[in-house]
Protein backbone atom coordinates (compact mmCIF):
# COMPACT_ATOMS: atom_id res chain seq x y z
CA MET A 1 -58.55 -51.62 -52.07
CA SER A 2 -62.53 -50.13 -52.91
CA LEU A 3 -63.57 -46.80 -52.59
CA GLU A 4 -66.21 -47.58 -49.62
CA LYS A 5 -63.10 -49.90 -47.53
CA LEU A 6 -60.70 -45.98 -47.89
CA PRO A 7 -61.09 -44.04 -44.42
CA ASN A 8 -62.92 -41.51 -44.41
CA LYS A 9 -60.57 -38.85 -43.88
CA THR A 10 -62.86 -36.15 -43.68
CA GLY A 11 -66.29 -36.95 -42.26
CA PHE A 12 -67.42 -35.65 -39.33
CA THR A 13 -67.58 -38.21 -36.18
CA LEU A 14 -67.92 -37.86 -32.27
CA GLU A 15 -67.31 -41.39 -31.78
CA PRO A 16 -65.24 -42.43 -28.31
CA HIS A 17 -62.26 -43.83 -30.93
CA ALA A 18 -62.57 -40.25 -32.39
CA ILE A 19 -62.56 -38.68 -28.56
CA ARG A 20 -59.56 -40.76 -27.45
CA SER A 21 -57.83 -39.25 -31.31
CA ILE A 22 -58.53 -36.12 -30.17
CA THR A 23 -57.34 -35.94 -26.86
CA VAL A 24 -53.94 -37.06 -27.94
CA LEU A 25 -53.62 -34.84 -29.85
CA VAL A 26 -54.98 -31.74 -27.79
CA LYS A 27 -52.56 -33.60 -25.22
CA LYS A 28 -49.78 -32.96 -27.61
CA GLU A 29 -50.47 -29.75 -28.73
CA LEU A 30 -51.11 -28.08 -24.95
CA ALA A 31 -47.17 -29.75 -24.15
CA SER A 32 -46.09 -27.76 -27.21
CA TYR A 33 -47.67 -24.60 -25.98
CA PHE A 34 -46.81 -24.90 -21.98
CA ASN A 35 -43.39 -26.12 -23.26
CA SER A 36 -42.48 -23.30 -24.26
CA PRO A 37 -41.29 -19.72 -21.72
CA ILE A 38 -43.13 -18.08 -24.93
CA ALA A 39 -46.72 -19.06 -24.20
CA TYR A 40 -45.55 -18.06 -20.46
CA ILE A 41 -44.37 -14.83 -21.13
CA LEU A 42 -47.50 -14.14 -22.98
CA ILE A 43 -49.93 -15.15 -19.99
CA CYS A 44 -48.44 -13.05 -18.05
CA ALA A 45 -47.91 -9.55 -20.35
CA PHE A 46 -51.66 -10.13 -21.49
CA ALA A 47 -52.92 -10.39 -17.41
CA CYS A 48 -49.92 -7.33 -16.48
CA PHE A 49 -51.59 -4.78 -20.23
CA ALA A 50 -55.28 -5.68 -19.23
CA ASN A 51 -54.36 -4.60 -15.56
CA TRP A 52 -52.95 -1.73 -16.02
CA LEU A 53 -55.40 -0.76 -18.79
CA PHE A 54 -58.07 -1.55 -16.02
CA PHE A 55 -56.82 0.06 -12.40
CA LYS A 56 -55.00 3.03 -14.11
CA PRO A 57 -58.47 4.98 -14.42
CA PHE A 58 -60.37 2.84 -12.19
CA PHE A 59 -59.25 4.71 -9.04
CA LEU A 60 -59.93 8.07 -10.32
CA VAL A 61 -63.71 6.86 -11.52
CA GLY A 62 -64.20 5.94 -7.62
CA GLU A 63 -67.00 2.61 -9.00
CA ALA A 64 -67.20 -0.85 -8.28
CA THR A 65 -68.20 -1.83 -12.04
CA LEU A 66 -66.23 -3.56 -14.83
CA ARG A 67 -68.16 -1.59 -17.32
CA ASP A 68 -64.46 -0.27 -19.06
CA PHE A 69 -63.01 -3.73 -18.34
CA PHE A 70 -65.63 -5.00 -20.55
CA LEU A 71 -65.04 -2.60 -23.10
CA PHE A 72 -61.50 -2.86 -23.56
CA LEU A 73 -60.85 -6.18 -23.40
CA PRO A 74 -62.47 -7.75 -26.75
CA TRP A 75 -59.55 -5.37 -28.23
CA LEU A 76 -56.75 -7.19 -26.39
CA ILE A 77 -58.07 -10.60 -27.82
CA LEU A 78 -58.17 -9.59 -31.37
CA ALA A 79 -54.83 -8.56 -31.55
CA LEU A 80 -53.97 -11.76 -29.15
CA ILE A 81 -55.41 -14.39 -31.30
CA PRO A 82 -54.38 -14.10 -34.45
CA ALA A 83 -50.55 -13.82 -32.63
CA ILE A 84 -51.14 -17.41 -30.97
CA THR A 85 -53.27 -18.67 -34.35
CA MET A 86 -50.81 -18.10 -36.96
CA ARG A 87 -48.54 -21.07 -36.50
CA LEU A 88 -51.02 -23.42 -35.94
CA TRP A 89 -51.12 -24.80 -39.82
CA SER A 90 -48.64 -21.68 -41.50
CA GLU A 91 -45.76 -23.24 -38.99
CA GLU A 92 -46.78 -26.84 -40.49
CA LYS A 93 -46.23 -25.89 -43.85
CA ARG A 94 -43.04 -24.40 -43.80
CA LEU A 95 -41.59 -26.99 -41.92
CA GLY A 96 -43.22 -29.94 -44.18
CA THR A 97 -44.91 -31.49 -41.03
CA ILE A 98 -47.90 -30.67 -42.34
CA GLU A 99 -47.57 -33.61 -44.95
CA LEU A 100 -46.88 -36.08 -41.18
CA ILE A 101 -50.24 -35.29 -40.23
CA LEU A 102 -52.22 -35.13 -42.83
CA THR A 103 -51.27 -39.24 -43.74
CA MET A 104 -51.29 -39.83 -39.90
CA PRO A 105 -54.67 -42.45 -39.32
CA ILE A 106 -56.50 -39.73 -38.61
CA SER A 107 -59.46 -37.63 -39.95
CA ASP A 108 -58.93 -34.01 -41.24
CA TRP A 109 -61.62 -32.96 -38.78
CA GLN A 110 -59.88 -34.85 -35.87
CA ALA A 111 -56.79 -32.89 -36.62
CA VAL A 112 -59.06 -29.37 -36.58
CA LEU A 113 -60.50 -30.27 -33.65
CA ALA A 114 -57.44 -31.50 -31.69
CA LYS A 115 -55.47 -28.12 -32.86
CA TYR A 116 -58.88 -25.82 -32.39
CA PHE A 117 -59.56 -26.95 -28.82
CA SER A 118 -55.62 -26.72 -27.40
CA ALA A 119 -55.63 -23.19 -28.71
CA LEU A 120 -59.27 -22.79 -27.00
CA ILE A 121 -57.84 -24.16 -23.86
CA PHE A 122 -54.90 -22.08 -23.71
CA VAL A 123 -56.88 -19.02 -24.39
CA VAL A 124 -59.38 -19.33 -21.13
CA VAL A 125 -55.93 -20.21 -19.22
CA ILE A 126 -54.98 -16.19 -21.05
CA LEU A 127 -58.39 -14.41 -20.25
CA LEU A 128 -58.16 -16.47 -16.08
CA ALA A 129 -54.98 -15.12 -15.48
CA THR A 130 -57.23 -11.91 -15.43
CA ILE A 131 -59.41 -13.03 -12.53
CA ASN A 132 -57.45 -10.71 -9.82
CA ILE A 133 -59.42 -7.69 -11.15
CA PRO A 134 -63.18 -8.87 -10.76
CA LEU A 135 -62.20 -10.39 -7.82
CA THR A 136 -60.19 -6.96 -6.25
CA VAL A 137 -63.24 -5.10 -6.99
CA SER A 138 -65.83 -7.37 -5.97
CA GLN A 139 -63.18 -6.09 -2.67
CA LEU A 140 -63.46 -2.41 -2.94
CA GLY A 141 -67.09 -2.54 -3.79
CA ARG A 142 -70.71 -4.48 -4.70
CA LEU A 143 -69.92 -6.01 -7.79
CA ASP A 144 -72.53 -7.67 -9.83
CA LEU A 145 -71.42 -11.45 -10.38
CA GLY A 146 -74.42 -12.22 -13.20
CA VAL A 147 -72.60 -9.31 -15.27
CA VAL A 148 -69.38 -10.54 -14.86
CA TRP A 149 -70.10 -14.58 -14.80
CA ALA A 150 -72.18 -12.72 -18.11
CA GLY A 151 -69.18 -11.09 -19.60
CA TYR A 152 -66.34 -13.96 -19.62
CA LEU A 153 -69.08 -16.10 -21.20
CA GLY A 154 -69.03 -13.48 -24.09
CA LEU A 155 -65.52 -13.22 -23.98
CA PHE A 156 -65.41 -16.77 -24.20
CA PHE A 157 -67.60 -17.83 -27.18
CA LEU A 158 -65.37 -14.24 -28.34
CA SER A 159 -62.10 -15.65 -28.76
CA ALA A 160 -64.06 -19.35 -29.81
CA VAL A 161 -65.22 -17.25 -33.35
CA PHE A 162 -61.75 -15.47 -33.67
CA LEU A 163 -59.41 -18.65 -33.50
CA ALA A 164 -61.90 -20.80 -35.61
CA ILE A 165 -61.08 -17.95 -37.79
CA GLY A 166 -57.37 -17.56 -36.95
CA GLN A 167 -56.86 -21.17 -37.37
CA PHE A 168 -58.40 -21.10 -40.75
CA ALA A 169 -56.42 -18.16 -42.33
CA SER A 170 -52.93 -19.78 -41.06
CA SER A 171 -54.60 -23.06 -43.27
CA LEU A 172 -53.72 -20.64 -45.96
CA THR A 173 -50.48 -20.08 -46.40
CA LYS A 174 -46.94 -21.40 -44.58
CA ASN A 175 -46.24 -17.51 -44.35
CA GLN A 176 -47.11 -16.55 -40.99
CA ILE A 177 -47.12 -12.60 -40.51
CA ILE A 178 -49.80 -13.22 -43.88
CA SER A 179 -51.43 -15.70 -42.15
CA PHE A 180 -52.15 -13.14 -38.46
CA VAL A 181 -52.92 -10.31 -41.42
CA VAL A 182 -55.54 -11.65 -42.62
CA SER A 183 -57.09 -13.47 -39.68
CA LEU A 184 -56.80 -9.84 -37.89
CA ILE A 185 -57.95 -8.41 -41.24
CA ILE A 186 -61.33 -11.05 -40.79
CA CYS A 187 -61.73 -10.57 -37.06
CA PHE A 188 -61.78 -7.05 -36.90
CA LEU A 189 -64.19 -6.69 -39.83
CA LEU A 190 -66.57 -9.76 -38.59
CA TYR A 191 -66.60 -7.65 -34.81
CA ILE A 192 -67.18 -3.96 -35.70
CA ALA A 193 -69.65 -4.83 -38.77
CA SER A 194 -72.64 -3.55 -35.83
CA ALA A 195 -71.32 -0.80 -34.22
CA SER A 196 -72.85 2.31 -33.90
CA PHE A 197 -70.44 4.35 -36.42
CA ILE A 198 -70.56 1.54 -38.88
CA LEU A 199 -74.43 1.32 -38.67
CA THR A 200 -75.16 5.15 -38.46
CA GLY A 201 -76.17 6.42 -42.13
CA LEU A 202 -77.20 2.82 -43.97
CA PRO A 203 -79.69 1.97 -45.44
CA THR A 204 -82.58 0.19 -42.83
CA ILE A 205 -82.32 -3.46 -44.13
CA ALA A 206 -77.86 -2.68 -44.43
CA ALA A 207 -78.17 -2.26 -40.89
CA LYS A 208 -80.44 -4.30 -40.35
CA ILE A 209 -78.39 -7.17 -41.48
CA LEU A 210 -75.07 -5.65 -40.30
CA LEU A 211 -76.48 -5.69 -36.64
CA GLN A 212 -77.02 -9.73 -36.89
CA LEU A 213 -73.87 -10.36 -38.41
CA GLY A 214 -71.34 -8.25 -36.09
CA LEU A 215 -70.03 -10.22 -33.22
CA ALA A 216 -69.72 -6.36 -31.05
CA SER A 217 -73.32 -5.75 -30.15
CA ARG A 218 -73.24 -9.27 -29.73
CA PHE A 219 -70.91 -8.96 -26.78
CA THR A 220 -72.08 -6.29 -24.99
CA ASN A 221 -75.23 -8.09 -24.80
CA ALA A 222 -73.10 -10.16 -22.79
CA ALA A 223 -71.22 -7.30 -20.95
CA LYS A 224 -74.74 -6.12 -19.75
CA GLY A 225 -75.37 -10.34 -18.02
CA VAL A 226 -77.83 -10.23 -20.93
CA ILE A 227 -76.87 -14.31 -22.51
CA ASP A 228 -79.18 -14.71 -25.60
CA THR A 229 -79.28 -18.35 -26.75
CA ARG A 230 -79.54 -16.75 -30.59
CA ASP A 231 -76.29 -15.19 -29.16
CA ILE A 232 -74.48 -18.42 -28.19
CA ILE A 233 -76.23 -20.53 -31.45
CA TYR A 234 -74.64 -17.30 -34.14
CA HIS A 235 -71.00 -17.90 -32.15
CA LEU A 236 -71.38 -21.62 -32.31
CA SER A 237 -72.73 -21.04 -36.17
CA LEU A 238 -69.02 -19.05 -37.39
CA VAL A 239 -67.05 -21.91 -35.18
CA PHE A 240 -68.17 -24.26 -37.28
CA LEU A 241 -68.29 -22.30 -40.27
CA PHE A 242 -64.55 -21.52 -40.58
CA LEU A 243 -63.60 -24.93 -38.33
CA TRP A 244 -65.37 -26.92 -42.24
CA LEU A 245 -63.59 -24.65 -43.98
CA ASN A 246 -60.62 -24.76 -42.19
CA VAL A 247 -61.11 -28.96 -43.37
CA ARG A 248 -61.68 -27.87 -46.76
CA VAL A 249 -58.08 -26.48 -47.09
CA LEU A 250 -56.60 -29.38 -45.93
CA SER A 251 -58.54 -32.07 -48.24
CA ASN A 252 -57.94 -30.21 -51.12
CA ARG A 253 -54.10 -29.85 -50.31
CA LYS A 254 -54.34 -34.25 -50.37
CA TRP A 255 -56.00 -33.82 -53.13
CA LYS A 256 -53.23 -31.82 -55.15
C-alpha cells in the first residue's frame, strides 16, 4: 500500500464520520463510568463534602453569597480530576487493551477526544450535583444569578483544562499513582502560578508573565461575574495543547 493511501491516524478532523466515531466511543466510555458504583459514590461524596464545607460557616456569616463556595471548590476539583483521569490511559496500558484501541479504524485524535469528552461530561454531572447550594442560598436571600452562572462557567473551563492535563499525564505511564501525582503537580503549579503570594517579591516582568499563565487569577474573574473572552481563549488553548501532547504520545508509542 502506498503512503498516500494509509489512513491518517494522527490528523485532526471533524468530518461527519469522525463525529459519529467520537460519539460512539463517548457512549462506550460513559457506560464504563456509570455502570460502576464507584461513579455514584464519587458524585455523592463530592456533593456532600462541598455542602458540608459551604454550609458549616454559611449560617454563621448570615450573608447570601457564594463567595466561599467559589473560593474552595477549585481546590476540590484540583484533587478530584487527577483521580478521575489517572486510569484513562494508564489502565489501558496495564491491561494491554491500548494496543487494541490503537489498531482500531479510528484516528488518534478520535480516541483522545472520546476519552476527553466522556470524562468532561462526567465532571459536569459532578458539578451539577452541587446545584442545590445556589438554589438554597437564593431562597434565603437575594443572590446575584449572573455571578452564579459566571462562576459555574469558570469551573467548567477550569475543569476542562485539568482534564486535558490529567489525560496527558495518564498517557505517559501505566502506573495510575504516578499518573495521579504528575497530573496533580502540573495542575497545582499552573493554578497557583498567578496567586498573590507567588507574585509578591518577583520582578515586574516575571510577575506579569505568571499572572497571564496562572489559572487562579482567571477563575477569580469568573467568580466575580466577569467573563473575559481572553480567559476563554486561554483555557481552550491549554486544552488543545495537552490533548495534542496526548496524541503525540500515542503516535510515538505506535511507531516504537
